PDB file of N, CA and C in Angstrom:
ATOM      1  N   MET A   1     -90.977 118.995  70.754  1.00  0.00           N
ATOM      2  CA  MET A   1     -90.594 119.103  71.428  1.00  0.00           C
ATOM      3  C   MET A   1     -90.333 117.479  69.691  1.00  0.00           C
ATOM      4  N   ASP A   2     -89.279 117.957  68.979  1.00  0.00           N
ATOM      5  CA  ASP A   2     -89.138 116.890  67.871  1.00  0.00           C
ATOM      6  C   ASP A   2     -88.433 115.135  67.989  1.00  0.00           C
ATOM      7  N   ASP A   3     -89.023 114.758  66.601  1.00  0.00           N
ATOM      8  CA  ASP A   3     -89.459 113.316  66.853  1.00  0.00           C
ATOM      9  C   ASP A   3     -87.516 113.738  66.047  1.00  0.00           C
ATOM     10  N   ASN A   4     -87.102 112.175  66.170  1.00  0.00           N
ATOM     11  CA  ASN A   4     -85.522 112.244  66.670  1.00  0.00           C
ATOM     12  C   ASN A   4     -85.274 110.350  66.632  1.00  0.00           C
ATOM     13  N   ARG A   5     -84.904 110.335  65.394  1.00  0.00           N
ATOM     14  CA  ARG A   5     -84.142 108.462  65.299  1.00  0.00           C
ATOM     15  C   ARG A   5     -82.588 107.905  65.545  1.00  0.00           C
ATOM     16  N   GLU A   6     -82.283 107.511  65.748  1.00  0.00           N
ATOM     17  CA  GLU A   6     -80.805 107.162  66.477  1.00  0.00           C
ATOM     18  C   GLU A   6     -81.285 105.176  65.806  1.00  0.00           C
ATOM     19  N   TYR A   7     -79.919 104.922  65.317  1.00  0.00           N
ATOM     20  CA  TYR A   7     -79.824 103.716  64.798  1.00  0.00           C
ATOM     21  C   TYR A   7     -78.610 103.279  65.548  1.00  0.00           C
ATOM     22  N   PHE A   8     -78.109 102.103  66.325  1.00  0.00           N
ATOM     23  CA  PHE A   8     -77.276 101.591  66.768  1.00  0.00           C
ATOM     24  C   PHE A   8     -76.715 100.633  65.253  1.00  0.00           C
ATOM     25  N   LEU A   9     -75.433 101.629  64.490  1.00  0.00           N
ATOM     26  CA  LEU A   9     -74.797 101.180  63.235  1.00  0.00           C
ATOM     27  C   LEU A   9     -73.458 100.296  63.503  1.00  0.00           C
ATOM     28  N   CYS A  10     -73.283  99.755  62.525  1.00  0.00           N
ATOM     29  CA  CYS A  10     -71.961  98.751  62.077  1.00  0.00           C
ATOM     30  C   CYS A  10     -70.563  99.197  62.401  1.00  0.00           C
ATOM     31  N   ASP A  11     -70.434  99.179  63.635  1.00  0.00           N
ATOM     32  CA  ASP A  11     -69.474  99.937  64.093  1.00  0.00           C
ATOM     33  C   ASP A  11     -67.970  99.601  62.673  1.00  0.00           C
ATOM     34  N   ILE A  12     -68.033  98.443  61.541  1.00  0.00           N
ATOM     35  CA  ILE A  12     -67.739  98.881  60.455  1.00  0.00           C
ATOM     36  C   ILE A  12     -68.005  98.828  59.112  1.00  0.00           C
ATOM     37  N   CYS A  13     -68.654  99.044  59.063  1.00  0.00           N
ATOM     38  CA  CYS A  13     -69.755  99.253  57.772  1.00  0.00           C
ATOM     39  C   CYS A  13     -70.519 100.753  57.745  1.00  0.00           C
ATOM     40  N   ALA A  14     -70.852 100.982  59.671  1.00  0.00           N
ATOM     41  CA  ALA A  14     -72.207 102.007  59.332  1.00  0.00           C
ATOM     42  C   ALA A  14     -73.428 100.812  58.543  1.00  0.00           C
ATOM     43  N   ASN A  15     -73.960  99.809  59.156  1.00  0.00           N
ATOM     44  CA  ASN A  15     -75.279  99.371  58.233  1.00  0.00           C
ATOM     45  C   ASN A  15     -75.625  99.064  59.243  1.00  0.00           C
ATOM     46  N   LYS A  16     -77.452  99.144  59.111  1.00  0.00           N
ATOM     47  CA  LYS A  16     -78.366  99.485  60.053  1.00  0.00           C
ATOM     48  C   LYS A  16     -79.008  97.678  60.852  1.00  0.00           C
ATOM     49  N   ASP A  17     -78.447  97.217  59.761  1.00  0.00           N
ATOM     50  CA  ASP A  17     -79.373  95.818  59.922  1.00  0.00           C
ATOM     51  C   ASP A  17     -78.547  94.130  60.292  1.00  0.00           C
ATOM     52  N   PHE A  18     -79.534  94.372  61.276  1.00  0.00           N
ATOM     53  CA  PHE A  18     -78.692  93.401  61.633  1.00  0.00           C
ATOM     54  C   PHE A  18     -79.886  91.415  61.635  1.00  0.00           C
ATOM     55  N   SER A  19     -79.647  90.655  61.904  1.00  0.00           N
ATOM     56  CA  SER A  19     -80.326  89.932  62.314  1.00  0.00           C
ATOM     57  C   SER A  19     -80.850  88.711  63.426  1.00  0.00           C
ATOM     58  N   LEU A  20     -80.977  87.953  63.521  1.00  0.00           N
ATOM     59  CA  LEU A  20     -81.127  87.531  65.179  1.00  0.00           C
ATOM     60  C   LEU A  20     -79.950  86.323  64.865  1.00  0.00           C
ATOM     61  N   ILE A  21     -78.968  85.645  65.642  1.00  0.00           N
ATOM     62  CA  ILE A  21     -78.756  84.329  65.475  1.00  0.00           C
ATOM     63  C   ILE A  21     -78.619  83.626  67.171  1.00  0.00           C
ATOM     64  N   TYR A  22     -78.812  82.632  67.273  1.00  0.00           N
ATOM     65  CA  TYR A  22     -79.355  81.968  68.452  1.00  0.00           C
ATOM     66  C   TYR A  22     -78.387  80.802  68.609  1.00  0.00           C
ATOM     67  N   ASN A  23     -77.864  80.459  69.208  1.00  0.00           N
ATOM     68  CA  ASN A  23     -77.558  79.620  70.155  1.00  0.00           C
ATOM     69  C   ASN A  23     -77.313  78.620  70.545  1.00  0.00           C
ATOM     70  N   PHE A  24     -77.206  77.322  70.362  1.00  0.00           N
ATOM     71  CA  PHE A  24     -77.963  76.940  71.765  1.00  0.00           C
ATOM     72  C   PHE A  24     -77.415  75.748  72.327  1.00  0.00           C
ATOM     73  N   SER A  25     -76.576  75.608  73.164  1.00  0.00           N
ATOM     74  CA  SER A  25     -75.847  74.575  74.446  1.00  0.00           C
ATOM     75  C   SER A  25     -76.600  73.560  75.619  1.00  0.00           C
ATOM     76  N   LEU A  26     -76.475  73.390  75.880  1.00  0.00           N
ATOM     77  CA  LEU A  26     -76.123  72.822  77.433  1.00  0.00           C
ATOM     78  C   LEU A  26     -74.875  72.236  78.185  1.00  0.00           C
ATOM     79  N   HIS A  27     -74.744  72.994  79.721  1.00  0.00           N
ATOM     80  CA  HIS A  27     -73.862  73.806  80.111  1.00  0.00           C
ATOM     81  C   HIS A  27     -74.350  71.940  81.077  1.00  0.00           C
ATOM     82  N   LEU A  28     -73.215  71.040  81.544  1.00  0.00           N
ATOM     83  CA  LEU A  28     -73.230  69.902  82.683  1.00  0.00           C
ATOM     84  C   LEU A  28     -72.498  69.686  83.034  1.00  0.00           C
ATOM     85  N   HIS A  29     -73.259  69.377  84.167  1.00  0.00           N
ATOM     86  CA  HIS A  29     -72.496  69.366  85.100  1.00  0.00           C
ATOM     87  C   HIS A  29     -73.194  67.927  86.738  1.00  0.00           C
ATOM     88  N   LYS A  30     -71.723  67.221  87.400  1.00  0.00           N
ATOM     89  CA  LYS A  30     -72.032  66.896  88.540  1.00  0.00           C
ATOM     90  C   LYS A  30     -72.610  67.047  89.525  1.00  0.00           C
ATOM     91  N   VAL A  31     -73.431  66.628  90.597  1.00  0.00           N
ATOM     92  CA  VAL A  31     -74.033  67.365  91.628  1.00  0.00           C
ATOM     93  C   VAL A  31     -72.735  66.280  92.988  1.00  0.00           C
ATOM     94  N   ASN A  32     -72.775  66.325  94.112  1.00  0.00           N
ATOM     95  CA  ASN A  32     -72.097  66.314  94.799  1.00  0.00           C
ATOM     96  C   ASN A  32     -72.992  65.108  95.728  1.00  0.00           C
ATOM     97  N   PHE A  33     -73.998  64.691  95.538  1.00  0.00           N
ATOM     98  CA  PHE A  33     -75.147  63.859  95.735  1.00  0.00           C
ATOM     99  C   PHE A  33     -75.832  62.574  95.259  1.00  0.00           C
ATOM    100  N   SER A  34     -75.105  63.180  94.149  1.00  0.00           N
ATOM    101  CA  SER A  34     -75.526  62.020  92.583  1.00  0.00           C
ATOM    102  C   SER A  34     -74.694  61.886  91.833  1.00  0.00           C
ATOM    103  N   ASP A  35     -74.785  60.631  91.318  1.00  0.00           N
ATOM    104  CA  ASP A  35     -73.346  60.468  89.648  1.00  0.00           C
ATOM    105  C   ASP A  35     -74.145  60.917  88.289  1.00  0.00           C
ATOM    106  N   ASP A  36     -75.152  61.730  88.640  1.00  0.00           N
ATOM    107  CA  ASP A  36     -76.034  61.529  87.233  1.00  0.00           C
ATOM    108  C   ASP A  36     -75.528  63.579  86.854  1.00  0.00           C
ATOM    109  N   LEU A  37     -75.589  63.554  85.571  1.00  0.00           N
ATOM    110  CA  LEU A  37     -75.159  64.766  85.237  1.00  0.00           C
ATOM    111  C   LEU A  37     -76.715  65.705  85.961  1.00  0.00           C
ATOM    112  N   ILE A  38     -76.152  66.817  85.979  1.00  0.00           N
ATOM    113  CA  ILE A  38     -77.494  67.791  86.107  1.00  0.00           C
ATOM    114  C   ILE A  38     -76.633  68.884  84.783  1.00  0.00           C
ATOM    115  N   TYR A  39     -78.187  68.784  84.076  1.00  0.00           N
ATOM    116  CA  TYR A  39     -77.394  70.429  82.551  1.00  0.00           C
ATOM    117  C   TYR A  39     -78.778  71.848  82.838  1.00  0.00           C
ATOM    118  N   ASP A  40     -78.203  72.370  82.232  1.00  0.00           N
ATOM    119  CA  ASP A  40     -78.303  73.194  82.559  1.00  0.00           C
ATOM    120  C   ASP A  40     -79.085  73.679  80.954  1.00  0.00           C
ATOM    121  N   GLU A  41     -79.453  74.530  79.935  1.00  0.00           N
ATOM    122  CA  GLU A  41     -79.904  74.551  78.700  1.00  0.00           C
ATOM    123  C   GLU A  41     -79.667  76.304  78.339  1.00  0.00           C
ATOM    124  N   ILE A  42     -79.184  76.553  77.723  1.00  0.00           N
ATOM    125  CA  ILE A  42     -78.724  78.129  77.092  1.00  0.00           C
ATOM    126  C   ILE A  42     -79.122  77.991  75.892  1.00  0.00           C
ATOM    127  N   VAL A  43     -79.497  79.064  75.508  1.00  0.00           N
ATOM    128  CA  VAL A  43     -80.021  80.005  74.445  1.00  0.00           C
ATOM    129  C   VAL A  43     -79.498  81.149  74.288  1.00  0.00           C
ATOM    130  N   GLU A  44     -78.800  81.268  74.015  1.00  0.00           N
ATOM    131  CA  GLU A  44     -77.320  82.596  73.353  1.00  0.00           C
ATOM    132  C   GLU A  44     -77.352  83.803  72.041  1.00  0.00           C
ATOM    133  N   GLU A  45     -78.793  85.041  72.157  1.00  0.00           N
ATOM    134  CA  GLU A  45     -78.998  85.407  70.883  1.00  0.00           C
ATOM    135  C   GLU A  45     -77.475  86.631  70.506  1.00  0.00           C
ATOM    136  N   MET A  46     -77.514  86.312  69.044  1.00  0.00           N
ATOM    137  CA  MET A  46     -76.278  87.507  68.776  1.00  0.00           C
ATOM    138  C   MET A  46     -77.112  88.527  67.859  1.00  0.00           C
ATOM    139  N   TYR A  47     -76.226  89.409  67.340  1.00  0.00           N
ATOM    140  CA  TYR A  47     -76.771  90.268  66.211  1.00  0.00           C
ATOM    141  C   TYR A  47     -75.852  90.057  64.607  1.00  0.00           C
ATOM    142  N   GLN A  48     -76.434  89.574  64.347  1.00  0.00           N
ATOM    143  CA  GLN A  48     -75.425  89.908  63.017  1.00  0.00           C
ATOM    144  C   GLN A  48     -75.109  90.973  61.497  1.00  0.00           C
ATOM    145  N   CYS A  49     -74.215  91.533  61.542  1.00  0.00           N
ATOM    146  CA  CYS A  49     -74.840  93.188  61.167  1.00  0.00           C
ATOM    147  C   CYS A  49     -74.925  91.956  58.751  1.00  0.00           C
ATOM    148  N   THR A  50     -76.111  92.584  58.563  1.00  0.00           N
ATOM    149  CA  THR A  50     -76.266  91.774  57.588  1.00  0.00           C
ATOM    150  C   THR A  50     -75.269  92.374  55.781  1.00  0.00           C
ATOM    151  N   ASN A  51     -74.592  93.764  56.505  1.00  0.00           N
ATOM    152  CA  ASN A  51     -74.005  93.603  54.846  1.00  0.00           C
ATOM    153  C   ASN A  51     -72.145  92.994  55.500  1.00  0.00           C
ATOM    154  N   CYS A  52     -71.201  93.764  56.591  1.00  0.00           N
ATOM    155  CA  CYS A  52     -70.059  92.695  56.869  1.00  0.00           C
ATOM    156  C   CYS A  52     -69.892  91.533  57.398  1.00  0.00           C
ATOM    157  N   LYS A  53     -70.990  91.113  57.427  1.00  0.00           N
ATOM    158  CA  LYS A  53     -72.121  89.406  58.772  1.00  0.00           C
ATOM    159  C   LYS A  53     -70.651  89.633  60.260  1.00  0.00           C
ATOM    160  N   LYS A  54     -70.007  91.206  60.837  1.00  0.00           N
ATOM    161  CA  LYS A  54     -69.814  90.859  62.486  1.00  0.00           C
ATOM    162  C   LYS A  54     -70.833  91.051  63.729  1.00  0.00           C
ATOM    163  N   THR A  55     -70.512  90.347  63.974  1.00  0.00           N
ATOM    164  CA  THR A  55     -71.748  89.868  64.721  1.00  0.00           C
ATOM    165  C   THR A  55     -71.390  90.857  66.683  1.00  0.00           C
ATOM    166  N   PHE A  56     -72.387  91.117  67.268  1.00  0.00           N
ATOM    167  CA  PHE A  56     -72.443  91.389  68.517  1.00  0.00           C
ATOM    168  C   PHE A  56     -73.598  91.255  69.219  1.00  0.00           C
ATOM    169  N   THR A  57     -72.902  90.887  70.311  1.00  0.00           N
ATOM    170  CA  THR A  57     -73.937  90.508  71.467  1.00  0.00           C
ATOM    171  C   THR A  57     -75.292  91.487  72.395  1.00  0.00           C
ATOM    172  N   LYS A  58     -76.464  91.202  72.622  1.00  0.00           N
ATOM    173  CA  LYS A  58     -76.946  92.090  73.554  1.00  0.00           C
ATOM    174  C   LYS A  58     -76.708  92.658  73.753  1.00  0.00           C
ATOM    175  N   LYS A  59     -75.654  92.422  75.196  1.00  0.00           N
ATOM    176  CA  LYS A  59     -75.575  93.259  75.713  1.00  0.00           C
ATOM    177  C   LYS A  59     -74.497  94.523  75.253  1.00  0.00           C
ATOM    178  N   HIS A  60     -73.648  94.150  74.184  1.00  0.00           N
ATOM    179  CA  HIS A  60     -73.420  94.869  73.360  1.00  0.00           C
ATOM    180  C   HIS A  60     -73.719  96.163  72.946  1.00  0.00           C
ATOM    181  N   LEU A  61     -75.243  95.704  72.034  1.00  0.00           N
ATOM    182  CA  LEU A  61     -76.685  96.504  71.777  1.00  0.00           C
ATOM    183  C   LEU A  61     -76.806  97.340  72.994  1.00  0.00           C
ATOM    184  N   SER A  62     -77.521  96.782  73.902  1.00  0.00           N
ATOM    185  CA  SER A  62     -77.665  97.219  74.692  1.00  0.00           C
ATOM    186  C   SER A  62     -76.880  98.780  74.771  1.00  0.00           C
ATOM    187  N   GLU A  63     -76.164  98.819  75.679  1.00  0.00           N
ATOM    188  CA  GLU A  63     -74.583  99.070  75.412  1.00  0.00           C
ATOM    189  C   GLU A  63     -74.982 100.538  74.848  1.00  0.00           C
ATOM    190  N   GLY A  64     -75.010 100.328  73.148  1.00  0.00           N
ATOM    191  CA  GLY A  64     -74.815 101.012  72.541  1.00  0.00           C
ATOM    192  C   GLY A  64     -76.469 102.167  72.386  1.00  0.00           C
ATOM    193  N   LEU A  65     -76.848 100.809  72.240  1.00  0.00           N
ATOM    194  CA  LEU A  65     -78.002 102.268  72.824  1.00  0.00           C
ATOM    195  C   LEU A  65     -78.429 102.963  73.888  1.00  0.00           C
ATOM    196  N   ALA A  66     -77.889 103.012  75.032  1.00  0.00           N
ATOM    197  CA  ALA A  66     -77.494 103.418  76.924  1.00  0.00           C
ATOM    198  C   ALA A  66     -76.718 104.711  75.689  1.00  0.00           C
ATOM    199  N   GLU A  67     -76.306 104.646  75.238  1.00  0.00           N
ATOM    200  CA  GLU A  67     -74.978 106.486  75.202  1.00  0.00           C
ATOM    201  C   GLU A  67     -75.582 106.949  74.759  1.00  0.00           C
ATOM    202  N   PHE A  68     -76.321 106.523  73.304  1.00  0.00           N
ATOM    203  CA  PHE A  68     -77.698 107.081  73.401  1.00  0.00           C
ATOM    204  C   PHE A  68     -78.493 107.894  74.347  1.00  0.00           C
ATOM    205  N   ARG A  69     -79.060 107.008  74.715  1.00  0.00           N
ATOM    206  CA  ARG A  69     -80.474 107.944  75.458  1.00  0.00           C
ATOM    207  C   ARG A  69     -79.397 109.231  76.455  1.00  0.00           C
ATOM    208  N   LYS A  70     -78.162 108.939  77.088  1.00  0.00           N
ATOM    209  CA  LYS A  70     -77.807 109.233  78.233  1.00  0.00           C
ATOM    210  C   LYS A  70     -76.702 110.268  77.040  1.00  0.00           C
ATOM    211  N   ASN A  71     -76.215 110.677  75.659  1.00  0.00           N
ATOM    212  CA  ASN A  71     -76.003 111.424  75.017  1.00  0.00           C
ATOM    213  C   ASN A  71     -77.902 112.535  74.599  1.00  0.00           C
ATOM    214  N   ARG A  72     -78.644 111.575  74.635  1.00  0.00           N
ATOM    215  CA  ARG A  72     -79.604 112.900  73.756  1.00  0.00           C
ATOM    216  C   ARG A  72     -79.675 113.325  75.410  1.00  0.00           C
ATOM    217  N   LYS A  73     -80.275 113.717  76.784  1.00  0.00           N
ATOM    218  CA  LYS A  73     -80.093 114.370  78.034  1.00  0.00           C
ATOM    219  C   LYS A  73     -80.068 115.522  78.421  1.00  0.00           C
TER     220      LYS A  73
END
């Protein structure tokens, strides 16, 4: 079995290098039994092409890699 490595490539410029970008936010909401706000911390990961700066979600990256696996079978 030969080793073959496939890279996820930017669909704009075909670059294979990405930088990780984090977004941090709070989701504030009220609950029925209290006047206090409840919050959820949310951390979103995005990946940015180091060449053209297009961003991709983690889901988009995972789907692209899943497509590679599907095509290799």
